[in-house]
Amino acid sequence: RDYRMSLAWQVKLSPEYEGLTYGELMAELISSPVHPVLPLGIYRMLNSSLPGYGNTGFVWTNPPAETVMLATDMLYVLGDQMFGQMAYAQGLLPMSSDIWQSSRLKQTLSEEGPPSTS
């Protein structure tokens, strides 16, 4: 296996990146000494208060450098498998925190046994 192979990932925006511009974010991500990744674009949510829109949004490939990142934005990046493992561990992959919580619950239940009905 070549663990250096780049894969496309969709990740939640880390809280420390909220408010940065896309240009600032790109500089941070490509120069990371631990897990450098190449940003490709963002998924931006539409205003869900509009009737009939719900949780819809749009993919914005390579937005302008001055685009301000929002807490609800998700990123599309190219990164290696180690980046994916880090993103999963930090709950940045969509639903990864839900999966982690579910697996921890299963582990806890298997260690403690079924709940008592008494």
C-alpha atoms as a PDB file:
ATOM      1  CA  ARG A   1       0.000   0.000   0.000  1.00  0.00           C
ATOM      2  CA  ASP A   2       1.119   3.518  -0.754  1.00  0.00           C
ATOM      3  CA  TYR A   3      -0.027   5.605   2.196  1.00  0.00           C
ATOM      4  CA  ARG A   4       1.233   8.766   0.469  1.00  0.00           C
ATOM      5  CA  MET A   5      -1.400   8.488  -2.250  1.00  0.00           C
ATOM      6  CA  SER A   6      -3.730  11.484  -2.225  1.00  0.00           C
ATOM      7  CA  LEU A   7      -7.450  10.939  -1.803  1.00  0.00           C
ATOM      8  CA  ALA A   8     -10.324  13.403  -1.970  1.00  0.00           C
ATOM      9  CA  TRP A   9     -11.814  14.172   1.453  1.00  0.00           C
ATOM     10  CA  GLN A  10     -14.793  16.239   2.561  1.00  0.00           C
ATOM     11  CA  VAL A  11     -14.153  17.571   6.060  1.00  0.00           C
ATOM     12  CA  LYS A  12     -15.859  19.882   8.496  1.00  0.00           C
ATOM     13  CA  LEU A  13     -14.171  23.214   9.086  1.00  0.00           C
ATOM     14  CA  SER A  14     -12.050  23.169  12.248  1.00  0.00           C
ATOM     15  CA  PRO A  15     -13.214  25.897  14.662  1.00  0.00           C
ATOM     16  CA  GLU A  16      -9.816  27.639  14.551  1.00  0.00           C
ATOM     17  CA  TYR A  17     -10.277  28.291  10.812  1.00  0.00           C
ATOM     18  CA  GLU A  18     -13.656  30.020  11.135  1.00  0.00           C
ATOM     19  CA  GLY A  19     -13.345  33.653  10.030  1.00  0.00           C
ATOM     20  CA  LEU A  20     -10.154  33.126   8.017  1.00  0.00           C
ATOM     21  CA  THR A  21     -10.249  33.881   4.319  1.00  0.00           C
ATOM     22  CA  TYR A  22      -9.989  31.009   1.868  1.00  0.00           C
ATOM     23  CA  GLY A  23      -6.534  32.305   0.902  1.00  0.00           C
ATOM     24  CA  GLU A  24      -5.360  32.275   4.534  1.00  0.00           C
ATOM     25  CA  LEU A  25      -6.856  28.817   5.021  1.00  0.00           C
ATOM     26  CA  MET A  26      -5.139  27.495   1.903  1.00  0.00           C
ATOM     27  CA  ALA A  27      -1.762  28.823   3.105  1.00  0.00           C
ATOM     28  CA  GLU A  28      -2.285  27.134   6.497  1.00  0.00           C
ATOM     29  CA  LEU A  29      -3.344  23.785   5.051  1.00  0.00           C
ATOM     30  CA  ILE A  30      -0.692  23.391   2.360  1.00  0.00           C
ATOM     31  CA  SER A  31       2.119  24.357   4.748  1.00  0.00           C
ATOM     32  CA  SER A  32       1.059  22.089   7.634  1.00  0.00           C
ATOM     33  CA  PRO A  33       4.165  20.261   8.887  1.00  0.00           C
ATOM     34  CA  VAL A  34       2.096  17.260  10.045  1.00  0.00           C
ATOM     35  CA  HIS A  35      -0.693  16.697   7.472  1.00  0.00           C
ATOM     36  CA  PRO A  36      -0.424  19.058   4.482  1.00  0.00           C
ATOM     37  CA  VAL A  37      -3.461  18.967   2.194  1.00  0.00           C
ATOM     38  CA  LEU A  38      -4.480  20.759  -0.993  1.00  0.00           C
ATOM     39  CA  PRO A  39      -7.840  22.548  -0.691  1.00  0.00           C
ATOM     40  CA  LEU A  40     -10.040  22.180  -3.785  1.00  0.00           C
ATOM     41  CA  GLY A  41     -13.124  24.083  -2.676  1.00  0.00           C
ATOM     42  CA  ILE A  42     -15.901  24.354  -0.124  1.00  0.00           C
ATOM     43  CA  TYR A  43     -19.462  23.215   0.417  1.00  0.00           C
ATOM     44  CA  ARG A  44     -21.432  26.240   1.589  1.00  0.00           C
ATOM     45  CA  MET A  45     -24.836  25.898   3.234  1.00  0.00           C
ATOM     46  CA  LEU A  46     -27.674  28.120   2.049  1.00  0.00           C
ATOM     47  CA  ASN A  47     -29.726  30.037   4.566  1.00  0.00           C
ATOM     48  CA  SER A  48     -31.941  27.265   5.944  1.00  0.00           C
ATOM     49  CA  SER A  49     -34.506  29.800   7.146  1.00  0.00           C
ATOM     50  CA  LEU A  50     -35.764  30.184   3.551  1.00  0.00           C
ATOM     51  CA  PRO A  51     -38.967  28.186   3.038  1.00  0.00           C
ATOM     52  CA  GLY A  52     -38.466  24.959   1.113  1.00  0.00           C
ATOM     53  CA  TYR A  53     -34.663  25.018   1.152  1.00  0.00           C
ATOM     54  CA  GLY A  54     -33.791  23.035   4.292  1.00  0.00           C
ATOM     55  CA  ASN A  55     -30.160  21.917   4.464  1.00  0.00           C
ATOM     56  CA  THR A  56     -29.241  22.672   0.892  1.00  0.00           C
ATOM     57  CA  GLY A  57     -26.073  24.283  -0.257  1.00  0.00           C
ATOM     58  CA  PHE A  58     -23.625  24.451  -3.130  1.00  0.00           C
ATOM     59  CA  VAL A  59     -20.107  23.358  -4.013  1.00  0.00           C
ATOM     60  CA  TRP A  60     -17.763  26.270  -4.682  1.00  0.00           C
ATOM     61  CA  THR A  61     -14.601  25.134  -6.455  1.00  0.00           C
ATOM     62  CA  ASN A  62     -11.567  27.307  -5.718  1.00  0.00           C
ATOM     63  CA  PRO A  63     -13.459  30.316  -4.277  1.00  0.00           C
ATOM     64  CA  PRO A  64     -11.769  33.738  -4.364  1.00  0.00           C
ATOM     65  CA  ALA A  65      -8.955  34.160  -1.819  1.00  0.00           C
ATOM     66  CA  GLU A  66     -10.929  36.821   0.058  1.00  0.00           C
ATOM     67  CA  THR A  67     -13.921  34.501   0.722  1.00  0.00           C
ATOM     68  CA  VAL A  68     -14.490  34.383   4.494  1.00  0.00           C
ATOM     69  CA  MET A  69     -14.869  30.881   5.901  1.00  0.00           C
ATOM     70  CA  LEU A  70     -18.070  30.194   7.867  1.00  0.00           C
ATOM     71  CA  ALA A  71     -18.572  27.708  10.691  1.00  0.00           C
ATOM     72  CA  THR A  72     -21.029  25.760   8.512  1.00  0.00           C
ATOM     73  CA  ASP A  73     -18.607  25.411   5.568  1.00  0.00           C
ATOM     74  CA  MET A  74     -17.153  22.038   4.691  1.00  0.00           C
ATOM     75  CA  LEU A  75     -13.874  21.656   2.816  1.00  0.00           C
ATOM     76  CA  TYR A  76     -12.933  19.492  -0.133  1.00  0.00           C
ATOM     77  CA  VAL A  77      -9.238  18.635   0.042  1.00  0.00           C
ATOM     78  CA  LEU A  78      -6.688  16.226  -1.394  1.00  0.00           C
ATOM     79  CA  GLY A  79      -4.807  14.478   1.379  1.00  0.00           C
ATOM     80  CA  ASP A  80      -3.194  11.174   2.262  1.00  0.00           C
ATOM     81  CA  GLN A  81      -4.658   8.371   4.361  1.00  0.00           C
ATOM     82  CA  MET A  82      -2.918   9.664   7.479  1.00  0.00           C
ATOM     83  CA  PHE A  83      -4.816  12.941   7.066  1.00  0.00           C
ATOM     84  CA  GLY A  84      -8.051  10.956   6.765  1.00  0.00           C
ATOM     85  CA  GLN A  85      -7.296   9.056   9.955  1.00  0.00           C
ATOM     86  CA  MET A  86      -6.537  12.314  11.789  1.00  0.00           C
ATOM     87  CA  ALA A  87      -9.732  13.919  10.454  1.00  0.00           C
ATOM     88  CA  TYR A  88     -11.760  10.887  11.563  1.00  0.00           C
ATOM     89  CA  ALA A  89     -10.181  10.916  15.038  1.00  0.00           C
ATOM     90  CA  GLN A  90     -10.965  14.609  15.420  1.00  0.00           C
ATOM     91  CA  GLY A  91     -14.578  14.182  14.260  1.00  0.00           C
ATOM     92  CA  LEU A  92     -14.015  16.275  11.118  1.00  0.00           C
ATOM     93  CA  LEU A  93     -15.342  13.726   8.640  1.00  0.00           C
ATOM     94  CA  PRO A  94     -19.089  13.964   8.096  1.00  0.00           C
ATOM     95  CA  MET A  95     -20.756  11.650  10.608  1.00  0.00           C
ATOM     96  CA  SER A  96     -17.401  10.492  12.051  1.00  0.00           C
ATOM     97  CA  SER A  97     -18.272  11.805  15.495  1.00  0.00           C
ATOM     98  CA  ASP A  98     -21.612   9.955  15.295  1.00  0.00           C
ATOM     99  CA  ILE A  99     -19.850   6.744  14.266  1.00  0.00           C
ATOM    100  CA  TRP A 100     -17.232   7.174  16.988  1.00  0.00           C
ATOM    101  CA  GLN A 101     -19.921   7.771  19.617  1.00  0.00           C
ATOM    102  CA  SER A 102     -21.820   4.706  18.408  1.00  0.00           C
ATOM    103  CA  SER A 103     -18.720   2.482  18.469  1.00  0.00           C
ATOM    104  CA  ARG A 104     -17.800   3.719  21.972  1.00  0.00           C
ATOM    105  CA  LEU A 105     -21.351   2.946  23.148  1.00  0.00           C
ATOM    106  CA  LYS A 106     -21.133  -0.565  21.660  1.00  0.00           C
ATOM    107  CA  GLN A 107     -17.753  -1.101  23.311  1.00  0.00           C
ATOM    108  CA  THR A 108     -19.087   0.105  26.668  1.00  0.00           C
ATOM    109  CA  LEU A 109     -22.154  -2.140  26.401  1.00  0.00           C
ATOM    110  CA  SER A 110     -20.074  -5.176  25.473  1.00  0.00           C
ATOM    111  CA  GLU A 111     -17.739  -4.556  28.429  1.00  0.00           C
ATOM    112  CA  GLU A 112     -20.583  -4.039  30.905  1.00  0.00           C
ATOM    113  CA  GLY A 113     -22.994  -6.567  29.448  1.00  0.00           C
ATOM    114  CA  PRO A 114     -26.665  -5.953  28.729  1.00  0.00           C
ATOM    115  CA  PRO A 115     -28.523  -3.488  30.939  1.00  0.00           C
ATOM    116  CA  SER A 116     -30.243  -4.916  33.978  1.00  0.00           C
ATOM    117  CA  THR A 117     -34.058  -5.026  33.948  1.00  0.00           C
ATOM    118  CA  SER A 118     -34.416  -5.160  37.715  1.00  0.00           C
END
